[in-house]
Amino acid sequence: MFVGNDIIEVSRIANLIENDRFLHRIYSNAEIKYCEDKANKAQNYAARFAAKEAVFKALSSQLNGNFSIAWNEICIEKDDNGRPFIILYNHSEISDNYRFDLSLSHVKEYAIASVIMYSKV
């Protein structure tokens, strides 16, 4: 089991999401659509940014930096019950061997994410 955590100030992301290039470098199209449809979009973007950082931290503790994943290849989506989950695009070598549990939380000023990564074997 490997853990990654991250916390970020929402104001930092609120400024960055005004840049379209930043948005598409960091977030998938599905994430952009989800966040743009929310009244508190900066909080939702920040929570997803924190989740991506937490994924990187969990992965690096296991794979010792021997991987290369683009930010927008880590996608945070929600299931039918509203529970967040992680999709790794173009990285079946990771998805086939590991599963992830994700917790997100955000308030006006901060967003936090925790990821637990388990070996499937």
PDB file of N, CA and C in Angstrom:
ATOM      1  N   MET A   1       0.852  -1.174   0.000  1.00  0.00           N
ATOM      2  CA  MET A   1       0.000   0.000   0.000  1.00  0.00           C
ATOM      3  C   MET A   1       0.900   1.240   0.000  1.00  0.00           C
ATOM      4  N   PHE A   2       0.539   2.206  -0.813  1.00  0.00           N
ATOM      5  CA  PHE A   2       1.306   3.441  -0.936  1.00  0.00           C
ATOM      6  C   PHE A   2       0.344   4.616  -0.849  1.00  0.00           C
ATOM      7  N   VAL A   3       0.778   5.685  -0.181  1.00  0.00           N
ATOM      8  CA  VAL A   3      -0.100   6.819   0.097  1.00  0.00           C
ATOM      9  C   VAL A   3       0.478   8.095  -0.488  1.00  0.00           C
ATOM     10  N   GLY A   4      -0.401   8.945  -0.985  1.00  0.00           N
ATOM     11  CA  GLY A   4      -0.030  10.283  -1.423  1.00  0.00           C
ATOM     12  C   GLY A   4      -1.061  11.274  -0.920  1.00  0.00           C
ATOM     13  N   ASN A   5      -0.621  12.408  -0.421  1.00  0.00           N
ATOM     14  CA  ASN A   5      -1.510  13.468   0.063  1.00  0.00           C
ATOM     15  C   ASN A   5      -1.058  14.794  -0.509  1.00  0.00           C
ATOM     16  N   ASP A   6      -2.010  15.708  -0.700  1.00  0.00           N
ATOM     17  CA  ASP A   6      -1.645  17.049  -1.137  1.00  0.00           C
ATOM     18  C   ASP A   6      -2.716  18.034  -0.694  1.00  0.00           C
ATOM     19  N   ILE A   7      -2.284  19.231  -0.388  1.00  0.00           N
ATOM     20  CA  ILE A   7      -3.183  20.334  -0.062  1.00  0.00           C
ATOM     21  C   ILE A   7      -2.732  21.540  -0.879  1.00  0.00           C
ATOM     22  N   ILE A   8      -3.686  22.322  -1.338  1.00  0.00           N
ATOM     23  CA  ILE A   8      -3.362  23.481  -2.165  1.00  0.00           C
ATOM     24  C   ILE A   8      -4.318  24.623  -1.848  1.00  0.00           C
ATOM     25  N   GLU A   9      -3.809  25.840  -1.982  1.00  0.00           N
ATOM     26  CA  GLU A   9      -4.659  27.016  -1.817  1.00  0.00           C
ATOM     27  C   GLU A   9      -5.509  27.201  -3.073  1.00  0.00           C
ATOM     28  N   VAL A  10      -6.807  27.350  -2.885  1.00  0.00           N
ATOM     29  CA  VAL A  10      -7.729  27.525  -4.009  1.00  0.00           C
ATOM     30  C   VAL A  10      -7.385  28.779  -4.799  1.00  0.00           C
ATOM     31  N   SER A  11      -6.946  29.839  -4.129  1.00  0.00           N
ATOM     32  CA  SER A  11      -6.631  31.098  -4.824  1.00  0.00           C
ATOM     33  C   SER A  11      -5.511  30.919  -5.845  1.00  0.00           C
ATOM     34  N   ARG A  12      -4.578  30.038  -5.557  1.00  0.00           N
ATOM     35  CA  ARG A  12      -3.478  29.779  -6.500  1.00  0.00           C
ATOM     36  C   ARG A  12      -4.023  29.201  -7.809  1.00  0.00           C
ATOM     37  N   ILE A  13      -4.924  28.241  -7.690  1.00  0.00           N
ATOM     38  CA  ILE A  13      -5.518  27.623  -8.875  1.00  0.00           C
ATOM     39  C   ILE A  13      -6.491  28.583  -9.548  1.00  0.00           C
ATOM     40  N   ALA A  14      -7.209  29.384  -8.775  1.00  0.00           N
ATOM     41  CA  ALA A  14      -8.167  30.340  -9.363  1.00  0.00           C
ATOM     42  C   ALA A  14      -7.475  31.262 -10.353  1.00  0.00           C
ATOM     43  N   ASN A  15      -6.267  31.674 -10.044  1.00  0.00           N
ATOM     44  CA  ASN A  15      -5.511  32.531 -10.966  1.00  0.00           C
ATOM     45  C   ASN A  15      -5.043  31.755 -12.192  1.00  0.00           C
ATOM     46  N   LEU A  16      -4.583  30.538 -11.996  1.00  0.00           N
ATOM     47  CA  LEU A  16      -4.024  29.744 -13.094  1.00  0.00           C
ATOM     48  C   LEU A  16      -5.072  29.286 -14.103  1.00  0.00           C
ATOM     49  N   ILE A  17      -6.299  29.019 -13.650  1.00  0.00           N
ATOM     50  CA  ILE A  17      -7.313  28.490 -14.567  1.00  0.00           C
ATOM     51  C   ILE A  17      -7.827  29.534 -15.549  1.00  0.00           C
ATOM     52  N   GLU A  18      -7.407  30.767 -15.382  1.00  0.00           N
ATOM     53  CA  GLU A  18      -7.751  31.796 -16.370  1.00  0.00           C
ATOM     54  C   GLU A  18      -6.940  31.614 -17.653  1.00  0.00           C
ATOM     55  N   ASN A  19      -5.887  30.830 -17.594  1.00  0.00           N
ATOM     56  CA  ASN A  19      -5.012  30.571 -18.734  1.00  0.00           C
ATOM     57  C   ASN A  19      -5.439  29.259 -19.402  1.00  0.00           C
ATOM     58  N   ASP A  20      -5.950  29.354 -20.630  1.00  0.00           N
ATOM     59  CA  ASP A  20      -6.455  28.187 -21.350  1.00  0.00           C
ATOM     60  C   ASP A  20      -5.362  27.136 -21.566  1.00  0.00           C
ATOM     61  N   ARG A  21      -4.152  27.586 -21.810  1.00  0.00           N
ATOM     62  CA  ARG A  21      -3.031  26.655 -22.011  1.00  0.00           C
ATOM     63  C   ARG A  21      -2.785  25.827 -20.751  1.00  0.00           C
ATOM     64  N   PHE A  22      -2.836  26.470 -19.596  1.00  0.00           N
ATOM     65  CA  PHE A  22      -2.690  25.761 -18.324  1.00  0.00           C
ATOM     66  C   PHE A  22      -3.798  24.718 -18.176  1.00  0.00           C
ATOM     67  N   LEU A  23      -5.040  25.131 -18.425  1.00  0.00           N
ATOM     68  CA  LEU A  23      -6.172  24.216 -18.273  1.00  0.00           C
ATOM     69  C   LEU A  23      -5.960  22.922 -19.053  1.00  0.00           C
ATOM     70  N   HIS A  24      -5.600  23.039 -20.319  1.00  0.00           N
ATOM     71  CA  HIS A  24      -5.501  21.862 -21.177  1.00  0.00           C
ATOM     72  C   HIS A  24      -4.214  21.061 -20.944  1.00  0.00           C
ATOM     73  N   ARG A  25      -3.225  21.669 -20.335  1.00  0.00           N
ATOM     74  CA  ARG A  25      -2.005  20.934 -19.995  1.00  0.00           C
ATOM     75  C   ARG A  25      -2.209  20.097 -18.730  1.00  0.00           C
ATOM     76  N   ILE A  26      -3.070  20.577 -17.833  1.00  0.00           N
ATOM     77  CA  ILE A  26      -3.253  19.927 -16.539  1.00  0.00           C
ATOM     78  C   ILE A  26      -4.489  19.036 -16.493  1.00  0.00           C
ATOM     79  N   TYR A  27      -5.579  19.488 -17.090  1.00  0.00           N
ATOM     80  CA  TYR A  27      -6.869  18.810 -16.931  1.00  0.00           C
ATOM     81  C   TYR A  27      -7.343  18.150 -18.224  1.00  0.00           C
ATOM     82  N   SER A  28      -8.062  17.038 -18.072  1.00  0.00           N
ATOM     83  CA  SER A  28      -8.686  16.379 -19.223  1.00  0.00           C
ATOM     84  C   SER A  28      -9.924  17.183 -19.634  1.00  0.00           C
ATOM     85  N   ASN A  29     -10.412  16.929 -20.822  1.00  0.00           N
ATOM     86  CA  ASN A  29     -11.631  17.606 -21.282  1.00  0.00           C
ATOM     87  C   ASN A  29     -12.806  17.309 -20.363  1.00  0.00           C
ATOM     88  N   ALA A  30     -12.898  16.076 -19.866  1.00  0.00           N
ATOM     89  CA  ALA A  30     -13.983  15.707 -18.950  1.00  0.00           C
ATOM     90  C   ALA A  30     -13.890  16.499 -17.643  1.00  0.00           C
ATOM     91  N   GLU A  31     -12.688  16.684 -17.133  1.00  0.00           N
ATOM     92  CA  GLU A  31     -12.510  17.457 -15.896  1.00  0.00           C
ATOM     93  C   GLU A  31     -12.869  18.923 -16.114  1.00  0.00           C
ATOM     94  N   ILE A  32     -12.459  19.471 -17.235  1.00  0.00           N
ATOM     95  CA  ILE A  32     -12.770  20.876 -17.538  1.00  0.00           C
ATOM     96  C   ILE A  32     -14.278  21.063 -17.608  1.00  0.00           C
ATOM     97  N   LYS A  33     -14.968  20.174 -18.305  1.00  0.00           N
ATOM     98  CA  LYS A  33     -16.423  20.281 -18.412  1.00  0.00           C
ATOM     99  C   LYS A  33     -17.066  20.196 -17.031  1.00  0.00           C
ATOM    100  N   TYR A  34     -16.634  19.236 -16.227  1.00  0.00           N
ATOM    101  CA  TYR A  34     -17.194  19.071 -14.890  1.00  0.00           C
ATOM    102  C   TYR A  34     -17.003  20.339 -14.058  1.00  0.00           C
ATOM    103  N   CYS A  35     -15.785  20.846 -14.004  1.00  0.00           N
ATOM    104  CA  CYS A  35     -15.482  22.008 -13.165  1.00  0.00           C
ATOM    105  C   CYS A  35     -16.161  23.276 -13.672  1.00  0.00           C
ATOM    106  N   GLU A  36     -16.206  23.459 -14.977  1.00  0.00           N
ATOM    107  CA  GLU A  36     -16.826  24.662 -15.535  1.00  0.00           C
ATOM    108  C   GLU A  36     -18.323  24.708 -15.261  1.00  0.00           C
ATOM    109  N   ASP A  37     -18.942  23.552 -15.054  1.00  0.00           N
ATOM    110  CA  ASP A  37     -20.376  23.495 -14.772  1.00  0.00           C
ATOM    111  C   ASP A  37     -20.697  23.750 -13.299  1.00  0.00           C
ATOM    112  N   LYS A  38     -19.688  23.918 -12.471  1.00  0.00           N
ATOM    113  CA  LYS A  38     -19.886  24.121 -11.036  1.00  0.00           C
ATOM    114  C   LYS A  38     -19.807  25.600 -10.671  1.00  0.00           C
ATOM    115  N   ALA A  39     -20.607  26.005  -9.690  1.00  0.00           N
ATOM    116  CA  ALA A  39     -20.580  27.397  -9.217  1.00  0.00           C
ATOM    117  C   ALA A  39     -19.237  27.713  -8.557  1.00  0.00           C
ATOM    118  N   ASN A  40     -18.673  26.756  -7.859  1.00  0.00           N
ATOM    119  CA  ASN A  40     -17.383  26.932  -7.170  1.00  0.00           C
ATOM    120  C   ASN A  40     -16.281  26.233  -7.961  1.00  0.00           C
ATOM    121  N   LYS A  41     -16.132  26.631  -9.219  1.00  0.00           N
ATOM    122  CA  LYS A  41     -15.228  25.911 -10.122  1.00  0.00           C
ATOM    123  C   LYS A  41     -13.777  25.918  -9.654  1.00  0.00           C
ATOM    124  N   ALA A  42     -13.302  27.005  -9.063  1.00  0.00           N
ATOM    125  CA  ALA A  42     -11.907  27.050  -8.610  1.00  0.00           C
ATOM    126  C   ALA A  42     -11.649  25.991  -7.540  1.00  0.00           C
ATOM    127  N   GLN A  43     -12.604  25.780  -6.645  1.00  0.00           N
ATOM    128  CA  GLN A  43     -12.450  24.742  -5.624  1.00  0.00           C
ATOM    129  C   GLN A  43     -12.379  23.355  -6.254  1.00  0.00           C
ATOM    130  N   ASN A  44     -13.204  23.115  -7.257  1.00  0.00           N
ATOM    131  CA  ASN A  44     -13.207  21.812  -7.928  1.00  0.00           C
ATOM    132  C   ASN A  44     -11.928  21.582  -8.724  1.00  0.00           C
ATOM    133  N   TYR A  45     -11.463  22.614  -9.423  1.00  0.00           N
ATOM    134  CA  TYR A  45     -10.175  22.496 -10.119  1.00  0.00           C
ATOM    135  C   TYR A  45      -9.048  22.239  -9.117  1.00  0.00           C
ATOM    136  N   ALA A  46      -9.067  22.955  -7.999  1.00  0.00           N
ATOM    137  CA  ALA A  46      -8.014  22.803  -6.991  1.00  0.00           C
ATOM    138  C   ALA A  46      -8.017  21.393  -6.401  1.00  0.00           C
ATOM    139  N   ALA A  47      -9.199  20.849  -6.132  1.00  0.00           N
ATOM    140  CA  ALA A  47      -9.283  19.492  -5.588  1.00  0.00           C
ATOM    141  C   ALA A  47      -8.695  18.484  -6.573  1.00  0.00           C
ATOM    142  N   ARG A  48      -8.962  18.669  -7.854  1.00  0.00           N
ATOM    143  CA  ARG A  48      -8.423  17.761  -8.862  1.00  0.00           C
ATOM    144  C   ARG A  48      -6.910  17.922  -9.013  1.00  0.00           C
ATOM    145  N   PHE A  49      -6.433  19.151  -8.900  1.00  0.00           N
ATOM    146  CA  PHE A  49      -4.987  19.376  -8.941  1.00  0.00           C
ATOM    147  C   PHE A  49      -4.322  18.658  -7.766  1.00  0.00           C
ATOM    148  N   ALA A  50      -4.902  18.815  -6.569  1.00  0.00           N
ATOM    149  CA  ALA A  50      -4.360  18.144  -5.383  1.00  0.00           C
ATOM    150  C   ALA A  50      -4.388  16.625  -5.563  1.00  0.00           C
ATOM    151  N   ALA A  51      -5.441  16.105  -6.178  1.00  0.00           N
ATOM    152  CA  ALA A  51      -5.537  14.663  -6.411  1.00  0.00           C
ATOM    153  C   ALA A  51      -4.431  14.184  -7.345  1.00  0.00           C
ATOM    154  N   LYS A  52      -4.167  14.942  -8.393  1.00  0.00           N
ATOM    155  CA  LYS A  52      -3.107  14.570  -9.333  1.00  0.00           C
ATOM    156  C   LYS A  52      -1.747  14.567  -8.631  1.00  0.00           C
ATOM    157  N   GLU A  53      -1.497  15.573  -7.806  1.00  0.00           N
ATOM    158  CA  GLU A  53      -0.254  15.614  -7.021  1.00  0.00           C
ATOM    159  C   GLU A  53      -0.164  14.400  -6.096  1.00  0.00           C
ATOM    160  N   ALA A  54      -1.282  14.055  -5.459  1.00  0.00           N
ATOM    161  CA  ALA A  54      -1.295  12.905  -4.555  1.00  0.00           C
ATOM    162  C   ALA A  54      -1.024  11.603  -5.315  1.00  0.00           C
ATOM    163  N   VAL A  55      -1.547  11.491  -6.537  1.00  0.00           N
ATOM    164  CA  VAL A  55      -1.270  10.315  -7.370  1.00  0.00           C
ATOM    165  C   VAL A  55       0.222  10.238  -7.674  1.00  0.00           C
ATOM    166  N   PHE A  56       0.807  11.372  -8.084  1.00  0.00           N
ATOM    167  CA  PHE A  56       2.250  11.389  -8.362  1.00  0.00           C
ATOM    168  C   PHE A  56       3.047  10.935  -7.135  1.00  0.00           C
ATOM    169  N   LYS A  57       2.658  11.396  -5.957  1.00  0.00           N
ATOM    170  CA  LYS A  57       3.375  11.033  -4.734  1.00  0.00           C
ATOM    171  C   LYS A  57       3.248   9.543  -4.433  1.00  0.00           C
ATOM    172  N   ALA A  58       2.045   8.995  -4.577  1.00  0.00           N
ATOM    173  CA  ALA A  58       1.854   7.560  -4.338  1.00  0.00           C
ATOM    174  C   ALA A  58       2.646   6.736  -5.347  1.00  0.00           C
ATOM    175  N   LEU A  59       2.602   7.136  -6.606  1.00  0.00           N
ATOM    176  CA  LEU A  59       3.346   6.417  -7.645  1.00  0.00           C
ATOM    177  C   LEU A  59       4.850   6.486  -7.416  1.00  0.00           C
ATOM    178  N   SER A  60       5.345   7.655  -7.054  1.00  0.00           N
ATOM    179  CA  SER A  60       6.798   7.811  -6.907  1.00  0.00           C
ATOM    180  C   SER A  60       7.333   6.993  -5.747  1.00  0.00           C
ATOM    181  N   SER A  61       6.514   6.776  -4.717  1.00  0.00           N
ATOM    182  CA  SER A  61       6.971   5.964  -3.590  1.00  0.00           C
ATOM    183  C   SER A  61       7.124   4.500  -3.990  1.00  0.00           C
ATOM    184  N   GLN A  62       6.395   4.048  -4.990  1.00  0.00           N
ATOM    185  CA  GLN A  62       6.482   2.662  -5.440  1.00  0.00           C
ATOM    186  C   GLN A  62       7.407   2.498  -6.637  1.00  0.00           C
ATOM    187  N   LEU A  63       7.318   3.397  -7.590  1.00  0.00           N
ATOM    188  CA  LEU A  63       8.025   3.221  -8.860  1.00  0.00           C
ATOM    189  C   LEU A  63       9.347   3.977  -8.924  1.00  0.00           C
ATOM    190  N   ASN A  64       9.731   4.625  -7.827  1.00  0.00           N
ATOM    191  CA  ASN A  64      11.029   5.307  -7.729  1.00  0.00           C
ATOM    192  C   ASN A  64      11.307   6.264  -8.881  1.00  0.00           C
ATOM    193  N   GLY A  65      10.286   6.962  -9.335  1.00  0.00           N
ATOM    194  CA  GLY A  65      10.468   7.941 -10.407  1.00  0.00           C
ATOM    195  C   GLY A  65      10.639   7.338 -11.781  1.00  0.00           C
ATOM    196  N   ASN A  66      10.468   6.019 -11.910  1.00  0.00           N
ATOM    197  CA  ASN A  66      10.638   5.351 -13.204  1.00  0.00           C
ATOM    198  C   ASN A  66       9.337   5.338 -14.001  1.00  0.00           C
ATOM    199  N   PHE A  67       8.740   6.482 -14.164  1.00  0.00           N
ATOM    200  CA  PHE A  67       7.516   6.614 -14.936  1.00  0.00           C
ATOM    201  C   PHE A  67       7.421   8.040 -15.447  1.00  0.00           C
ATOM    202  N   SER A  68       6.648   8.209 -16.474  1.00  0.00           N
ATOM    203  CA  SER A  68       6.424   9.540 -17.025  1.00  0.00           C
ATOM    204  C   SER A  68       4.952   9.651 -17.386  1.00  0.00           C
ATOM    205  N   ILE A  69       4.240  10.481 -16.659  1.00  0.00           N
ATOM    206  CA  ILE A  69       2.809  10.670 -16.882  1.00  0.00           C
ATOM    207  C   ILE A  69       2.547  12.161 -17.028  1.00  0.00           C
ATOM    208  N   ALA A  70       1.827  12.531 -18.064  1.00  0.00           N
ATOM    209  CA  ALA A  70       1.412  13.927 -18.230  1.00  0.00           C
ATOM    210  C   ALA A  70       0.272  14.216 -17.255  1.00  0.00           C
ATOM    211  N   TRP A  71       0.206  15.443 -16.820  1.00  0.00           N
ATOM    212  CA  TRP A  71      -0.843  15.847 -15.882  1.00  0.00           C
ATOM    213  C   TRP A  71      -2.228  15.457 -16.380  1.00  0.00           C
ATOM    214  N   ASN A  72      -2.504  15.731 -17.659  1.00  0.00           N
ATOM    215  CA  ASN A  72      -3.856  15.480 -18.165  1.00  0.00           C
ATOM    216  C   ASN A  72      -4.106  14.008 -18.497  1.00  0.00           C
ATOM    217  N   GLU A  73      -3.135  13.135 -18.245  1.00  0.00           N
ATOM    218  CA  GLU A  73      -3.354  11.693 -18.364  1.00  0.00           C
ATOM    219  C   GLU A  73      -3.876  11.097 -17.057  1.00  0.00           C
ATOM    220  N   ILE A  74      -3.865  11.890 -16.004  1.00  0.00           N
ATOM    221  CA  ILE A  74      -4.490  11.505 -14.738  1.00  0.00           C
ATOM    222  C   ILE A  74      -5.825  12.233 -14.702  1.00  0.00           C
ATOM    223  N   CYS A  75      -6.902  11.480 -14.752  1.00  0.00           N
ATOM    224  CA  CYS A  75      -8.232  12.091 -14.812  1.00  0.00           C
ATOM    225  C   CYS A  75      -9.018  11.718 -13.564  1.00  0.00           C
ATOM    226  N   ILE A  76      -9.612  12.722 -12.939  1.00  0.00           N
ATOM    227  CA  ILE A  76     -10.440  12.511 -11.761  1.00  0.00           C
ATOM    228  C   ILE A  76     -11.891  12.633 -12.201  1.00  0.00           C
ATOM    229  N   GLU A  77     -12.638  11.549 -12.054  1.00  0.00           N
ATOM    230  CA  GLU A  77     -14.055  11.540 -12.421  1.00  0.00           C
ATOM    231  C   GLU A  77     -14.864  11.093 -11.223  1.00  0.00           C
ATOM    232  N   LYS A  78     -16.187  11.119 -11.366  1.00  0.00           N
ATOM    233  CA  LYS A  78     -17.073  10.674 -10.290  1.00  0.00           C
ATOM    234  C   LYS A  78     -17.967   9.564 -10.808  1.00  0.00           C
ATOM    235  N   ASP A  79     -18.238   8.590  -9.928  1.00  0.00           N
ATOM    236  CA  ASP A  79     -19.143   7.515 -10.317  1.00  0.00           C
ATOM    237  C   ASP A  79     -20.594   7.971 -10.133  1.00  0.00           C
ATOM    238  N   ASP A  80     -21.540   7.075 -10.368  1.00  0.00           N
ATOM    239  CA  ASP A  80     -22.963   7.423 -10.295  1.00  0.00           C
ATOM    240  C   ASP A  80     -23.398   7.851  -8.900  1.00  0.00           C
ATOM    241  N   ASN A  81     -22.628   7.485  -7.886  1.00  0.00           N
ATOM    242  CA  ASN A  81     -22.940   7.872  -6.508  1.00  0.00           C
ATOM    243  C   ASN A  81     -22.198   9.129  -6.070  1.00  0.00           C
ATOM    244  N   GLY A  82     -21.447   9.747  -6.989  1.00  0.00           N
ATOM    245  CA  GLY A  82     -20.707  10.964  -6.667  1.00  0.00           C
ATOM    246  C   GLY A  82     -19.342  10.719  -6.056  1.00  0.00           C
ATOM    247  N   ARG A  83     -18.921   9.465  -6.013  1.00  0.00           N
ATOM    248  CA  ARG A  83     -17.623   9.120  -5.423  1.00  0.00           C
ATOM    249  C   ARG A  83     -16.515   9.327  -6.456  1.00  0.00           C
ATOM    250  N   PRO A  84     -15.459  10.071  -6.102  1.00  0.00           N
ATOM    251  CA  PRO A  84     -14.381  10.312  -7.073  1.00  0.00           C
ATOM    252  C   PRO A  84     -13.534   9.063  -7.298  1.00  0.00           C
ATOM    253  N   PHE A  85     -13.049   8.936  -8.524  1.00  0.00           N
ATOM    254  CA  PHE A  85     -12.137   7.846  -8.845  1.00  0.00           C
ATOM    255  C   PHE A  85     -11.117   8.329  -9.865  1.00  0.00           C
ATOM    256  N   ILE A  86     -10.056   7.556 -10.030  1.00  0.00           N
ATOM    257  CA  ILE A  86      -8.913   7.941 -10.862  1.00  0.00           C
ATOM    258  C   ILE A  86      -8.866   7.076 -12.113  1.00  0.00           C
ATOM    259  N   ILE A  87      -8.669   7.730 -13.248  1.00  0.00           N
ATOM    260  CA  ILE A  87      -8.407   7.042 -14.510  1.00  0.00           C
ATOM    261  C   ILE A  87      -7.026   7.481 -14.973  1.00  0.00           C
ATOM    262  N   LEU A  88      -6.189   6.521 -15.332  1.00  0.00           N
ATOM    263  CA  LEU A  88      -4.884   6.826 -15.924  1.00  0.00           C
ATOM    264  C   LEU A  88      -4.955   6.492 -17.407  1.00  0.00           C
ATOM    265  N   TYR A  89      -4.901   7.508 -18.239  1.00  0.00           N
ATOM    266  CA  TYR A  89      -4.920   7.293 -19.681  1.00  0.00           C
ATOM    267  C   TYR A  89      -3.518   6.952 -20.172  1.00  0.00           C
ATOM    268  N   ASN A  90      -3.436   5.999 -21.089  1.00  0.00           N
ATOM    269  CA  ASN A  90      -2.186   5.620 -21.760  1.00  0.00           C
ATOM    270  C   ASN A  90      -1.158   4.976 -20.834  1.00  0.00           C
ATOM    271  N   HIS A  91      -1.607   4.423 -19.719  1.00  0.00           N
ATOM    272  CA  HIS A  91      -0.664   3.815 -18.776  1.00  0.00           C
ATOM    273  C   HIS A  91      -1.211   2.505 -18.224  1.00  0.00           C
ATOM    274  N   SER A  92      -1.494   1.564 -19.119  1.00  0.00           N
ATOM    275  CA  SER A  92      -2.037   0.273 -18.692  1.00  0.00           C
ATOM    276  C   SER A  92      -1.051  -0.493 -17.809  1.00  0.00           C
ATOM    277  N   GLU A  93       0.261  -0.227 -17.968  1.00  0.00           N
ATOM    278  CA  GLU A  93       1.246  -0.914 -17.127  1.00  0.00           C
ATOM    279  C   GLU A  93       1.055  -0.569 -15.653  1.00  0.00           C
ATOM    280  N   ILE A  94       0.481   0.583 -15.383  1.00  0.00           N
ATOM    281  CA  ILE A  94       0.163   0.961 -14.003  1.00  0.00           C
ATOM    282  C   ILE A  94      -1.251   0.506 -13.664  1.00  0.00           C
ATOM    283  N   SER A  95      -2.224   0.832 -14.519  1.00  0.00           N
ATOM    284  CA  SER A  95      -3.627   0.487 -14.265  1.00  0.00           C
ATOM    285  C   SER A  95      -3.840  -1.015 -14.118  1.00  0.00           C
ATOM    286  N   ASP A  96      -3.078  -1.810 -14.852  1.00  0.00           N
ATOM    287  CA  ASP A  96      -3.228  -3.265 -14.777  1.00  0.00           C
ATOM    288  C   ASP A  96      -2.682  -3.846 -13.474  1.00  0.00           C
ATOM    289  N   ASN A  97      -1.781  -3.132 -12.824  1.00  0.00           N
ATOM    290  CA  ASN A  97      -1.113  -3.663 -11.634  1.00  0.00           C
ATOM    291  C   ASN A  97      -1.499  -2.995 -10.322  1.00  0.00           C
ATOM    292  N   TYR A  98      -2.137  -1.828 -10.402  1.00  0.00           N
ATOM    293  CA  TYR A  98      -2.475  -1.082  -9.189  1.00  0.00           C
ATOM    294  C   TYR A  98      -3.898  -0.548  -9.266  1.00  0.00           C
ATOM    295  N   ARG A  99      -4.506  -0.402  -8.096  1.00  0.00           N
ATOM    296  CA  ARG A  99      -5.789   0.296  -8.014  1.00  0.00           C
ATOM    297  C   ARG A  99      -5.629   1.435  -7.013  1.00  0.00           C
ATOM    298  N   PHE A 100      -6.501   2.419  -7.132  1.00  0.00           N
ATOM    299  CA  PHE A 100      -6.397   3.632  -6.332  1.00  0.00           C
ATOM    300  C   PHE A 100      -7.705   3.898  -5.596  1.00  0.00           C
ATOM    301  N   ASP A 101      -7.602   4.338  -4.355  1.00  0.00           N
ATOM    302  CA  ASP A 101      -8.727   4.918  -3.623  1.00  0.00           C
ATOM    303  C   ASP A 101      -8.420   6.393  -3.468  1.00  0.00           C
ATOM    304  N   LEU A 102      -9.449   7.221  -3.585  1.00  0.00           N
ATOM    305  CA  LEU A 102      -9.272   8.673  -3.592  1.00  0.00           C
ATOM    306  C   LEU A 102     -10.284   9.340  -2.687  1.00  0.00           C
ATOM    307  N   SER A 103      -9.825  10.303  -1.914  1.00  0.00           N
ATOM    308  CA  SER A 103     -10.695  11.158  -1.121  1.00  0.00           C
ATOM    309  C   SER A 103     -10.356  12.608  -1.440  1.00  0.00           C
ATOM    310  N   LEU A 104     -11.393  13.404  -1.712  1.00  0.00           N
ATOM    311  CA  LEU A 104     -11.233  14.834  -2.008  1.00  0.00           C
ATOM    312  C   LEU A 104     -12.039  15.650  -1.016  1.00  0.00           C
ATOM    313  N   SER A 105     -11.540  16.826  -0.692  1.00  0.00           N
ATOM    314  CA  SER A 105     -12.301  17.768   0.114  1.00  0.00           C
ATOM    315  C   SER A 105     -11.857  19.178  -0.241  1.00  0.00           C
ATOM    316  N   HIS A 106     -12.809  20.109  -0.193  1.00  0.00           N
ATOM    317  CA  HIS A 106     -12.439  21.499  -0.448  1.00  0.00           C
ATOM    318  C   HIS A 106     -13.371  22.439   0.293  1.00  0.00           C
ATOM    319  N   VAL A 107     -12.797  23.554   0.694  1.00  0.00           N
ATOM    320  CA  VAL A 107     -13.528  24.660   1.298  1.00  0.00           C
ATOM    321  C   VAL A 107     -13.105  25.910   0.546  1.00  0.00           C
ATOM    322  N   LYS A 108     -13.561  27.047   0.996  1.00  0.00           N
ATOM    323  CA  LYS A 108     -13.298  28.296   0.277  1.00  0.00           C
ATOM    324  C   LYS A 108     -11.813  28.515  -0.015  1.00  0.00           C
ATOM    325  N   GLU A 109     -10.943  28.240   0.947  1.00  0.00           N
ATOM    326  CA  GLU A 109      -9.528  28.590   0.807  1.00  0.00           C
ATOM    327  C   GLU A 109      -8.604  27.436   0.435  1.00  0.00           C
ATOM    328  N   TYR A 110      -8.994  26.198   0.721  1.00  0.00           N
ATOM    329  CA  TYR A 110      -8.090  25.067   0.515  1.00  0.00           C
ATOM    330  C   TYR A 110      -8.800  23.879  -0.119  1.00  0.00           C
ATOM    331  N   ALA A 111      -8.015  23.080  -0.827  1.00  0.00           N
ATOM    332  CA  ALA A 111      -8.473  21.787  -1.335  1.00  0.00           C
ATOM    333  C   ALA A 111      -7.426  20.754  -0.934  1.00  0.00           C
ATOM    334  N   ILE A 112      -7.892  19.563  -0.616  1.00  0.00           N
ATOM    335  CA  ILE A 112      -7.000  18.497  -0.180  1.00  0.00           C
ATOM    336  C   ILE A 112      -7.411  17.195  -0.858  1.00  0.00           C
ATOM    337  N   ALA A 113      -6.433  16.352  -1.091  1.00  0.00           N
ATOM    338  CA  ALA A 113      -6.703  15.029  -1.658  1.00  0.00           C
ATOM    339  C   ALA A 113      -5.784  14.009  -1.012  1.00  0.00           C
ATOM    340  N   SER A 114      -6.328  12.819  -0.822  1.00  0.00           N
ATOM    341  CA  SER A 114      -5.551  11.684  -0.333  1.00  0.00           C
ATOM    342  C   SER A 114      -5.775  10.515  -1.276  1.00  0.00           C
ATOM    343  N   VAL A 115      -4.685   9.842  -1.617  1.00  0.00           N
ATOM    344  CA  VAL A 115      -4.728   8.688  -2.513  1.00  0.00           C
ATOM    345  C   VAL A 115      -4.056   7.515  -1.817  1.00  0.00           C
ATOM    346  N   ILE A 116      -4.703   6.370  -1.881  1.00  0.00           N
ATOM    347  CA  ILE A 116      -4.091   5.122  -1.444  1.00  0.00           C
ATOM    348  C   ILE A 116      -3.990   4.236  -2.678  1.00  0.00           C
ATOM    349  N   MET A 117      -2.786   3.742  -2.933  1.00  0.00           N
ATOM    350  CA  MET A 117      -2.521   2.903  -4.099  1.00  0.00           C
ATOM    351  C   MET A 117      -2.214   1.486  -3.611  1.00  0.00           C
ATOM    352  N   TYR A 118      -2.952   0.518  -4.153  1.00  0.00           N
ATOM    353  CA  TYR A 118      -2.797  -0.881  -3.774  1.00  0.00           C
ATOM    354  C   TYR A 118      -2.308  -1.697  -4.960  1.00  0.00           C
ATOM    355  N   SER A 119      -1.482  -2.672  -4.693  1.00  0.00           N
ATOM    356  CA  SER A 119      -1.084  -3.630  -5.719  1.00  0.00           C
ATOM    357  C   SER A 119      -2.246  -4.593  -5.958  1.00  0.00           C
ATOM    358  N   LYS A 120      -2.538  -4.884  -7.214  1.00  0.00           N
ATOM    359  CA  LYS A 120      -3.604  -5.832  -7.549  1.00  0.00           C
ATOM    360  C   LYS A 120      -3.137  -7.279  -7.431  1.00  0.00           C
ATOM    361  N   VAL A 121      -1.845  -7.473  -7.332  1.00  0.00           N
ATOM    362  CA  VAL A 121      -1.323  -8.851  -7.267  1.00  0.00           C
ATOM    363  C   VAL A 121      -0.876  -9.216  -5.873  1.00  0.00           C
TER     364      VAL A 121
END
